[in-house]
Amino acid sequence: MTTSVPHDPQIALESLAAALDPGEFITALVTGTGRRACLTVTSRRAGADESIYADRSSYWWGWGERIAAADDPLTAAHKVATLLRAAPQPAHDW
């Protein structure tokens, strides 16, 4: 399902953050002068995280692979959640 998102990368990242379950993921929008905005998404369960970028047309993994169209935060959220859920669980010292 696509939504109407202005072609602003920061707004696209904010839309992605809103589409992720806050009970399962911690999100932080990282911005700064001269810096490309990114959304850091951390799995509360696995402790794994990924940096997600956006441009006027798409969401991107930090390694440069396209995730989804920038006007489709729900698809992007599903793919990000799937990747982070598959991350190995942290070791426990019992």
PDB file of N, CA and C in Angstrom:
ATOM      1  N   MET A   1       0.839  -1.170   0.000  1.00  0.00           N
ATOM      2  CA  MET A   1       0.000   0.000   0.000  1.00  0.00           C
ATOM      3  C   MET A   1       0.884   1.234   0.000  1.00  0.00           C
ATOM      4  N   THR A   2       0.659   2.128  -0.889  1.00  0.00           N
ATOM      5  CA  THR A   2       1.440   3.351  -0.930  1.00  0.00           C
ATOM      6  C   THR A   2       0.664   4.475  -0.282  1.00  0.00           C
ATOM      7  N   THR A   3       1.412   5.442   0.205  1.00  0.00           N
ATOM      8  CA  THR A   3       0.802   6.613   0.802  1.00  0.00           C
ATOM      9  C   THR A   3       1.333   7.840   0.083  1.00  0.00           C
ATOM     10  N   SER A   4       0.656   8.942   0.258  1.00  0.00           N
ATOM     11  CA  SER A   4       1.106  10.165  -0.373  1.00  0.00           C
ATOM     12  C   SER A   4       2.134  10.823   0.542  1.00  0.00           C
ATOM     13  N   VAL A   5       3.393  10.751   0.150  1.00  0.00           N
ATOM     14  CA  VAL A   5       4.475  11.330   0.924  1.00  0.00           C
ATOM     15  C   VAL A   5       5.152  12.390   0.070  1.00  0.00           C
ATOM     16  N   PRO A   6       5.321  13.597   0.595  1.00  0.00           N
ATOM     17  CA  PRO A   6       6.059  14.593  -0.167  1.00  0.00           C
ATOM     18  C   PRO A   6       7.437  14.055  -0.519  1.00  0.00           C
ATOM     19  N   HIS A   7       7.998  14.516  -1.591  1.00  0.00           N
ATOM     20  CA  HIS A   7       9.296  14.014  -2.045  1.00  0.00           C
ATOM     21  C   HIS A   7      10.434  14.645  -1.257  1.00  0.00           C
ATOM     22  N   ASP A   8      10.352  14.550   0.040  1.00  0.00           N
ATOM     23  CA  ASP A   8      11.387  15.045   0.943  1.00  0.00           C
ATOM     24  C   ASP A   8      11.944  13.835   1.681  1.00  0.00           C
ATOM     25  N   PRO A   9      13.243  13.553   1.537  1.00  0.00           N
ATOM     26  CA  PRO A   9      13.805  12.361   2.171  1.00  0.00           C
ATOM     27  C   PRO A   9      13.582  12.295   3.681  1.00  0.00           C
ATOM     28  N   GLN A  10      13.681  13.413   4.382  1.00  0.00           N
ATOM     29  CA  GLN A  10      13.482  13.378   5.829  1.00  0.00           C
ATOM     30  C   GLN A  10      12.046  13.008   6.182  1.00  0.00           C
ATOM     31  N   ILE A  11      11.076  13.525   5.437  1.00  0.00           N
ATOM     32  CA  ILE A  11       9.676  13.170   5.686  1.00  0.00           C
ATOM     33  C   ILE A  11       9.450  11.694   5.376  1.00  0.00           C
ATOM     34  N   ALA A  12      10.093  11.190   4.322  1.00  0.00           N
ATOM     35  CA  ALA A  12       9.985   9.764   4.002  1.00  0.00           C
ATOM     36  C   ALA A  12      10.517   8.918   5.155  1.00  0.00           C
ATOM     37  N   LEU A  13      11.652   9.324   5.742  1.00  0.00           N
ATOM     38  CA  LEU A  13      12.217   8.574   6.870  1.00  0.00           C
ATOM     39  C   LEU A  13      11.312   8.652   8.098  1.00  0.00           C
ATOM     40  N   GLU A  14      10.706   9.808   8.328  1.00  0.00           N
ATOM     41  CA  GLU A  14       9.760   9.939   9.438  1.00  0.00           C
ATOM     42  C   GLU A  14       8.545   9.036   9.222  1.00  0.00           C
ATOM     43  N   SER A  15       8.096   8.919   7.976  1.00  0.00           N
ATOM     44  CA  SER A  15       6.967   8.039   7.660  1.00  0.00           C
ATOM     45  C   SER A  15       7.334   6.580   7.891  1.00  0.00           C
ATOM     46  N   LEU A  16       8.558   6.219   7.547  1.00  0.00           N
ATOM     47  CA  LEU A  16       9.023   4.851   7.804  1.00  0.00           C
ATOM     48  C   LEU A  16       9.063   4.582   9.305  1.00  0.00           C
ATOM     49  N   ALA A  17       9.593   5.515  10.076  1.00  0.00           N
ATOM     50  CA  ALA A  17       9.640   5.340  11.533  1.00  0.00           C
ATOM     51  C   ALA A  17       8.241   5.135  12.099  1.00  0.00           C
ATOM     52  N   ALA A  18       7.271   5.890  11.600  1.00  0.00           N
ATOM     53  CA  ALA A  18       5.886   5.773  12.085  1.00  0.00           C
ATOM     54  C   ALA A  18       5.265   4.432  11.697  1.00  0.00           C
ATOM     55  N   ALA A  19       5.751   3.821  10.615  1.00  0.00           N
ATOM     56  CA  ALA A  19       5.196   2.553  10.138  1.00  0.00           C
ATOM     57  C   ALA A  19       5.764   1.349  10.890  1.00  0.00           C
ATOM     58  N   LEU A  20       6.849   1.542  11.634  1.00  0.00           N
ATOM     59  CA  LEU A  20       7.461   0.441  12.388  1.00  0.00           C
ATOM     60  C   LEU A  20       6.827   0.345  13.785  1.00  0.00           C
ATOM     61  N   ASP A  21       6.667  -0.867  14.282  1.00  0.00           N
ATOM     62  CA  ASP A  21       6.068  -1.115  15.595  1.00  0.00           C
ATOM     63  C   ASP A  21       7.011  -0.622  16.699  1.00  0.00           C
ATOM     64  N   PRO A  22       6.609   0.410  17.463  1.00  0.00           N
ATOM     65  CA  PRO A  22       7.497   0.937  18.500  1.00  0.00           C
ATOM     66  C   PRO A  22       7.737  -0.046  19.655  1.00  0.00           C
ATOM     67  N   GLY A  23       6.892  -1.048  19.775  1.00  0.00           N
ATOM     68  CA  GLY A  23       7.123  -2.073  20.782  1.00  0.00           C
ATOM     69  C   GLY A  23       8.221  -3.037  20.388  1.00  0.00           C
ATOM     70  N   GLU A  24       8.508  -3.088  19.115  1.00  0.00           N
ATOM     71  CA  GLU A  24       9.505  -4.022  18.589  1.00  0.00           C
ATOM     72  C   GLU A  24      10.794  -3.331  18.148  1.00  0.00           C
ATOM     73  N   PHE A  25      10.690  -2.052  17.766  1.00  0.00           N
ATOM     74  CA  PHE A  25      11.840  -1.340  17.214  1.00  0.00           C
ATOM     75  C   PHE A  25      12.016   0.037  17.842  1.00  0.00           C
ATOM     76  N   ILE A  26      13.263   0.424  18.021  1.00  0.00           N
ATOM     77  CA  ILE A  26      13.633   1.772  18.439  1.00  0.00           C
ATOM     78  C   ILE A  26      14.109   2.480  17.178  1.00  0.00           C
ATOM     79  N   THR A  27      13.605   3.676  16.934  1.00  0.00           N
ATOM     80  CA  THR A  27      14.043   4.426  15.756  1.00  0.00           C
ATOM     81  C   THR A  27      14.632   5.757  16.196  1.00  0.00           C
ATOM     82  N   ALA A  28      15.625   6.210  15.449  1.00  0.00           N
ATOM     83  CA  ALA A  28      16.234   7.516  15.704  1.00  0.00           C
ATOM     84  C   ALA A  28      16.565   8.153  14.361  1.00  0.00           C
ATOM     85  N   LEU A  29      16.016   9.320  14.118  1.00  0.00           N
ATOM     86  CA  LEU A  29      16.320  10.066  12.900  1.00  0.00           C
ATOM     87  C   LEU A  29      17.589  10.857  13.158  1.00  0.00           C
ATOM     88  N   VAL A  30      18.612  10.603  12.362  1.00  0.00           N
ATOM     89  CA  VAL A  30      19.914  11.249  12.529  1.00  0.00           C
ATOM     90  C   VAL A  30      20.073  12.283  11.416  1.00  0.00           C
ATOM     91  N   THR A  31      20.222  13.541  11.816  1.00  0.00           N
ATOM     92  CA  THR A  31      20.376  14.633  10.851  1.00  0.00           C
ATOM     93  C   THR A  31      21.515  15.532  11.312  1.00  0.00           C
ATOM     94  N   GLY A  32      21.915  16.412  10.450  1.00  0.00           N
ATOM     95  CA  GLY A  32      22.941  17.381  10.817  1.00  0.00           C
ATOM     96  C   GLY A  32      23.366  18.172   9.601  1.00  0.00           C
ATOM     97  N   THR A  33      23.910  19.325   9.833  1.00  0.00           N
ATOM     98  CA  THR A  33      24.379  20.171   8.742  1.00  0.00           C
ATOM     99  C   THR A  33      25.441  19.445   7.934  1.00  0.00           C
ATOM    100  N   GLY A  34      25.241  19.402   6.644  1.00  0.00           N
ATOM    101  CA  GLY A  34      26.194  18.746   5.759  1.00  0.00           C
ATOM    102  C   GLY A  34      26.160  17.239   5.826  1.00  0.00           C
ATOM    103  N   ARG A  35      25.169  16.690   6.478  1.00  0.00           N
ATOM    104  CA  ARG A  35      25.058  15.242   6.641  1.00  0.00           C
ATOM    105  C   ARG A  35      23.756  14.762   6.024  1.00  0.00           C
ATOM    106  N   ARG A  36      23.817  13.652   5.339  1.00  0.00           N
ATOM    107  CA  ARG A  36      22.619  13.034   4.778  1.00  0.00           C
ATOM    108  C   ARG A  36      21.816  12.400   5.905  1.00  0.00           C
ATOM    109  N   ALA A  37      20.530  12.714   5.976  1.00  0.00           N
ATOM    110  CA  ALA A  37      19.673  12.149   7.026  1.00  0.00           C
ATOM    111  C   ALA A  37      19.577  10.634   6.880  1.00  0.00           C
ATOM    112  N   CYS A  38      19.512   9.956   8.009  1.00  0.00           N
ATOM    113  CA  CYS A  38      19.274   8.507   7.989  1.00  0.00           C
ATOM    114  C   CYS A  38      18.416   8.150   9.195  1.00  0.00           C
ATOM    115  N   LEU A  39      17.763   7.025   9.105  1.00  0.00           N
ATOM    116  CA  LEU A  39      16.957   6.497  10.192  1.00  0.00           C
ATOM    117  C   LEU A  39      17.664   5.257  10.717  1.00  0.00           C
ATOM    118  N   THR A  40      18.056   5.302  11.981  1.00  0.00           N
ATOM    119  CA  THR A  40      18.643   4.125  12.610  1.00  0.00           C
ATOM    120  C   THR A  40      17.505   3.348  13.259  1.00  0.00           C
ATOM    121  N   VAL A  41      17.398   2.071  12.898  1.00  0.00           N
ATOM    122  CA  VAL A  41      16.340   1.208  13.408  1.00  0.00           C
ATOM    123  C   VAL A  41      17.009   0.074  14.183  1.00  0.00           C
ATOM    124  N   THR A  42      16.613  -0.084  15.438  1.00  0.00           N
ATOM    125  CA  THR A  42      17.197  -1.118  16.303  1.00  0.00           C
ATOM    126  C   THR A  42      16.103  -2.056  16.779  1.00  0.00           C
ATOM    127  N   SER A  43      16.357  -3.351  16.663  1.00  0.00           N
ATOM    128  CA  SER A  43      15.436  -4.364  17.160  1.00  0.00           C
ATOM    129  C   SER A  43      15.571  -4.453  18.673  1.00  0.00           C
ATOM    130  N   ARG A  44      14.467  -4.292  19.379  1.00  0.00           N
ATOM    131  CA  ARG A  44      14.499  -4.403  20.840  1.00  0.00           C
ATOM    132  C   ARG A  44      14.851  -5.836  21.268  1.00  0.00           C
ATOM    133  N   ARG A  45      14.455  -6.807  20.488  1.00  0.00           N
ATOM    134  CA  ARG A  45      14.662  -8.216  20.835  1.00  0.00           C
ATOM    135  C   ARG A  45      16.075  -8.668  20.491  1.00  0.00           C
ATOM    136  N   ALA A  46      16.520  -8.404  19.266  1.00  0.00           N
ATOM    137  CA  ALA A  46      17.804  -8.919  18.808  1.00  0.00           C
ATOM    138  C   ALA A  46      18.957  -7.966  19.088  1.00  0.00           C
ATOM    139  N   GLY A  47      18.658  -6.688  19.311  1.00  0.00           N
ATOM    140  CA  GLY A  47      19.718  -5.718  19.525  1.00  0.00           C
ATOM    141  C   GLY A  47      20.437  -5.319  18.243  1.00  0.00           C
ATOM    142  N   ALA A  48      20.026  -5.883  17.118  1.00  0.00           N
ATOM    143  CA  ALA A  48      20.635  -5.553  15.825  1.00  0.00           C
ATOM    144  C   ALA A  48      20.074  -4.231  15.331  1.00  0.00           C
ATOM    145  N   ASP A  49      20.878  -3.514  14.550  1.00  0.00           N
ATOM    146  CA  ASP A  49      20.378  -2.264  13.997  1.00  0.00           C
ATOM    147  C   ASP A  49      20.836  -2.085  12.560  1.00  0.00           C
ATOM    148  N   GLU A  50      20.131  -1.218  11.868  1.00  0.00           N
ATOM    149  CA  GLU A  50      20.456  -0.870  10.481  1.00  0.00           C
ATOM    150  C   GLU A  50      20.213   0.616  10.292  1.00  0.00           C
ATOM    151  N   SER A  51      21.010   1.217   9.438  1.00  0.00           N
ATOM    152  CA  SER A  51      20.793   2.603   9.034  1.00  0.00           C
ATOM    153  C   SER A  51      20.095   2.605   7.687  1.00  0.00           C
ATOM    154  N   ILE A  52      18.988   3.336   7.615  1.00  0.00           N
ATOM    155  CA  ILE A  52      18.179   3.414   6.408  1.00  0.00           C
ATOM    156  C   ILE A  52      18.257   4.845   5.877  1.00  0.00           C
ATOM    157  N   TYR A  53      18.423   4.972   4.582  1.00  0.00           N
ATOM    158  CA  TYR A  53      18.504   6.277   3.925  1.00  0.00           C
ATOM    159  C   TYR A  53      17.326   6.416   2.968  1.00  0.00           C
ATOM    160  N   ALA A  54      17.064   7.639   2.548  1.00  0.00           N
ATOM    161  CA  ALA A  54      16.014   7.881   1.557  1.00  0.00           C
ATOM    162  C   ALA A  54      16.472   9.005   0.636  1.00  0.00           C
ATOM    163  N   ASP A  55      15.986   8.937  -0.584  1.00  0.00           N
ATOM    164  CA  ASP A  55      16.126  10.065  -1.505  1.00  0.00           C
ATOM    165  C   ASP A  55      14.726  10.385  -1.993  1.00  0.00           C
ATOM    166  N   ARG A  56      14.593  11.158  -3.013  1.00  0.00           N
ATOM    167  CA  ARG A  56      13.267  11.580  -3.486  1.00  0.00           C
ATOM    168  C   ARG A  56      12.443  10.439  -4.074  1.00  0.00           C
ATOM    169  N   SER A  57      13.090   9.307  -4.377  1.00  0.00           N
ATOM    170  CA  SER A  57      12.346   8.224  -5.009  1.00  0.00           C
ATOM    171  C   SER A  57      12.308   6.921  -4.223  1.00  0.00           C
ATOM    172  N   SER A  58      13.284   6.680  -3.338  1.00  0.00           N
ATOM    173  CA  SER A  58      13.398   5.354  -2.729  1.00  0.00           C
ATOM    174  C   SER A  58      13.967   5.383  -1.318  1.00  0.00           C
ATOM    175  N   TYR A  59      13.722   4.275  -0.597  1.00  0.00           N
ATOM    176  CA  TYR A  59      14.417   3.969   0.649  1.00  0.00           C
ATOM    177  C   TYR A  59      15.594   3.076   0.281  1.00  0.00           C
ATOM    178  N   TRP A  60      16.700   3.211   1.035  1.00  0.00           N
ATOM    179  CA  TRP A  60      17.927   2.471   0.734  1.00  0.00           C
ATOM    180  C   TRP A  60      18.545   1.908   2.003  1.00  0.00           C
ATOM    181  N   TRP A  61      19.075   0.668   1.892  1.00  0.00           N
ATOM    182  CA  TRP A  61      19.896   0.110   2.958  1.00  0.00           C
ATOM    183  C   TRP A  61      21.204   0.888   2.989  1.00  0.00           C
ATOM    184  N   GLY A  62      21.901   0.853   4.096  1.00  0.00           N
ATOM    185  CA  GLY A  62      23.185   1.530   4.219  1.00  0.00           C
ATOM    186  C   GLY A  62      24.221   1.043   3.224  1.00  0.00           C
ATOM    187  N   TRP A  63      24.086  -0.178   2.738  1.00  0.00           N
ATOM    188  CA  TRP A  63      25.046  -0.729   1.783  1.00  0.00           C
ATOM    189  C   TRP A  63      24.668  -0.404   0.329  1.00  0.00           C
ATOM    190  N   GLY A  64      23.594   0.376   0.139  1.00  0.00           N
ATOM    191  CA  GLY A  64      23.268   0.872  -1.196  1.00  0.00           C
ATOM    192  C   GLY A  64      22.206   0.106  -1.961  1.00  0.00           C
ATOM    193  N   GLU A  65      21.618  -0.908  -1.367  1.00  0.00           N
ATOM    194  CA  GLU A  65      20.560  -1.676  -2.041  1.00  0.00           C
ATOM    195  C   GLU A  65      19.206  -1.013  -1.786  1.00  0.00           C
ATOM    196  N   ARG A  66      18.397  -0.916  -2.836  1.00  0.00           N
ATOM    197  CA  ARG A  66      17.077  -0.296  -2.738  1.00  0.00           C
ATOM    198  C   ARG A  66      16.140  -1.179  -1.913  1.00  0.00           C
ATOM    199  N   ILE A  67      15.350  -0.540  -1.041  1.00  0.00           N
ATOM    200  CA  ILE A  67      14.384  -1.263  -0.219  1.00  0.00           C
ATOM    201  C   ILE A  67      12.992  -1.179  -0.836  1.00  0.00           C
ATOM    202  N   ALA A  68      12.525   0.042  -1.092  1.00  0.00           N
ATOM    203  CA  ALA A  68      11.170   0.262  -1.614  1.00  0.00           C
ATOM    204  C   ALA A  68      11.061   1.706  -2.092  1.00  0.00           C
ATOM    205  N   ALA A  69       9.972   2.002  -2.754  1.00  0.00           N
ATOM    206  CA  ALA A  69       9.703   3.368  -3.199  1.00  0.00           C
ATOM    207  C   ALA A  69       9.492   4.266  -1.980  1.00  0.00           C
ATOM    208  N   ALA A  70       9.911   5.515  -2.075  1.00  0.00           N
ATOM    209  CA  ALA A  70       9.795   6.458  -0.960  1.00  0.00           C
ATOM    210  C   ALA A  70       8.350   6.765  -0.598  1.00  0.00           C
ATOM    211  N   ASP A  71       7.425   6.502  -1.513  1.00  0.00           N
ATOM    212  CA  ASP A  71       6.012   6.732  -1.192  1.00  0.00           C
ATOM    213  C   ASP A  71       5.331   5.467  -0.679  1.00  0.00           C
ATOM    214  N   ASP A  72       6.137   4.463  -0.273  1.00  0.00           N
ATOM    215  CA  ASP A  72       5.594   3.202   0.230  1.00  0.00           C
ATOM    216  C   ASP A  72       6.278   2.800   1.542  1.00  0.00           C
ATOM    217  N   PRO A  73       6.068   3.580   2.611  1.00  0.00           N
ATOM    218  CA  PRO A  73       6.733   3.261   3.876  1.00  0.00           C
ATOM    219  C   PRO A  73       6.302   1.934   4.489  1.00  0.00           C
ATOM    220  N   LEU A  74       5.105   1.467   4.181  1.00  0.00           N
ATOM    221  CA  LEU A  74       4.658   0.187   4.750  1.00  0.00           C
ATOM    222  C   LEU A  74       5.469  -0.981   4.193  1.00  0.00           C
ATOM    223  N   THR A  75       5.734  -0.973   2.893  1.00  0.00           N
ATOM    224  CA  THR A  75       6.568  -2.029   2.307  1.00  0.00           C
ATOM    225  C   THR A  75       7.980  -1.939   2.854  1.00  0.00           C
ATOM    226  N   ALA A  76       8.507  -0.731   2.958  1.00  0.00           N
ATOM    227  CA  ALA A  76       9.854  -0.549   3.510  1.00  0.00           C
ATOM    228  C   ALA A  76       9.905  -1.051   4.950  1.00  0.00           C
ATOM    229  N   ALA A  77       8.893  -0.719   5.752  1.00  0.00           N
ATOM    230  CA  ALA A  77       8.852  -1.156   7.144  1.00  0.00           C
ATOM    231  C   ALA A  77       8.826  -2.684   7.236  1.00  0.00           C
ATOM    232  N   HIS A  78       8.052  -3.319   6.374  1.00  0.00           N
ATOM    233  CA  HIS A  78       7.983  -4.781   6.370  1.00  0.00           C
ATOM    234  C   HIS A  78       9.362  -5.384   6.074  1.00  0.00           C
ATOM    235  N   LYS A  79      10.060  -4.836   5.096  1.00  0.00           N
ATOM    236  CA  LYS A  79      11.380  -5.378   4.724  1.00  0.00           C
ATOM    237  C   LYS A  79      12.408  -5.134   5.828  1.00  0.00           C
ATOM    238  N   VAL A  80      12.379  -3.961   6.429  1.00  0.00           N
ATOM    239  CA  VAL A  80      13.310  -3.660   7.523  1.00  0.00           C
ATOM    240  C   VAL A  80      13.026  -4.589   8.704  1.00  0.00           C
ATOM    241  N   ALA A  81      11.763  -4.749   9.063  1.00  0.00           N
ATOM    242  CA  ALA A  81      11.392  -5.620  10.175  1.00  0.00           C
ATOM    243  C   ALA A  81      11.806  -7.061   9.909  1.00  0.00           C
ATOM    244  N   THR A  82      11.601  -7.532   8.693  1.00  0.00           N
ATOM    245  CA  THR A  82      11.973  -8.902   8.335  1.00  0.00           C
ATOM    246  C   THR A  82      13.469  -9.120   8.500  1.00  0.00           C
ATOM    247  N   LEU A  83      14.275  -8.173   8.032  1.00  0.00           N
ATOM    248  CA  LEU A  83      15.724  -8.302   8.146  1.00  0.00           C
ATOM    249  C   LEU A  83      16.156  -8.291   9.612  1.00  0.00           C
ATOM    250  N   LEU A  84      15.629  -7.364  10.390  1.00  0.00           N
ATOM    251  CA  LEU A  84      16.057  -7.260  11.786  1.00  0.00           C
ATOM    252  C   LEU A  84      15.530  -8.401  12.650  1.00  0.00           C
ATOM    253  N   ARG A  85      14.392  -8.968  12.303  1.00  0.00           N
ATOM    254  CA  ARG A  85      13.886 -10.131  13.048  1.00  0.00           C
ATOM    255  C   ARG A  85      14.757 -11.357  12.795  1.00  0.00           C
ATOM    256  N   ALA A  86      15.369 -11.416  11.626  1.00  0.00           N
ATOM    257  CA  ALA A  86      16.206 -12.564  11.264  1.00  0.00           C
ATOM    258  C   ALA A  86      17.613 -12.459  11.862  1.00  0.00           C
ATOM    259  N   ALA A  87      17.947 -11.320  12.450  1.00  0.00           N
ATOM    260  CA  ALA A  87      19.262 -11.138  13.033  1.00  0.00           C
ATOM    261  C   ALA A  87      19.460 -12.113  14.187  1.00  0.00           C
ATOM    262  N   PRO A  88      20.677 -12.604  14.365  1.00  0.00           N
ATOM    263  CA  PRO A  88      20.940 -13.522  15.479  1.00  0.00           C
ATOM    264  C   PRO A  88      20.629 -12.873  16.824  1.00  0.00           C
ATOM    265  N   GLN A  89      20.127 -13.671  17.744  1.00  0.00           N
ATOM    266  CA  GLN A  89      19.846 -13.196  19.094  1.00  0.00           C
ATOM    267  C   GLN A  89      21.160 -13.022  19.845  1.00  0.00           C
ATOM    268  N   PRO A  90      21.239 -12.019  20.741  1.00  0.00           N
ATOM    269  CA  PRO A  90      22.464 -11.858  21.519  1.00  0.00           C
ATOM    270  C   PRO A  90      22.672 -13.054  22.459  1.00  0.00           C
ATOM    271  N   ALA A  91      23.930 -13.361  22.718  1.00  0.00           N
ATOM    272  CA  ALA A  91      24.263 -14.461  23.627  1.00  0.00           C
ATOM    273  C   ALA A  91      23.951 -14.052  25.064  1.00  0.00           C
ATOM    274  N   HIS A  92      23.577 -15.016  25.872  1.00  0.00           N
ATOM    275  CA  HIS A  92      23.301 -14.761  27.283  1.00  0.00           C
ATOM    276  C   HIS A  92      24.287 -15.548  28.133  1.00  0.00           C
ATOM    277  N   ASP A  93      24.766 -14.936  29.185  1.00  0.00           N
ATOM    278  CA  ASP A  93      25.607 -15.642  30.162  1.00  0.00           C
ATOM    279  C   ASP A  93      24.701 -16.093  31.299  1.00  0.00           C
ATOM    280  N   TRP A  94      24.404 -17.339  31.350  1.00  0.00           N
ATOM    281  CA  TRP A  94      23.517 -17.870  32.401  1.00  0.00           C
ATOM    282  C   TRP A  94      24.320 -18.457  33.495  1.00  0.00           C
TER     283      TRP A  94
END
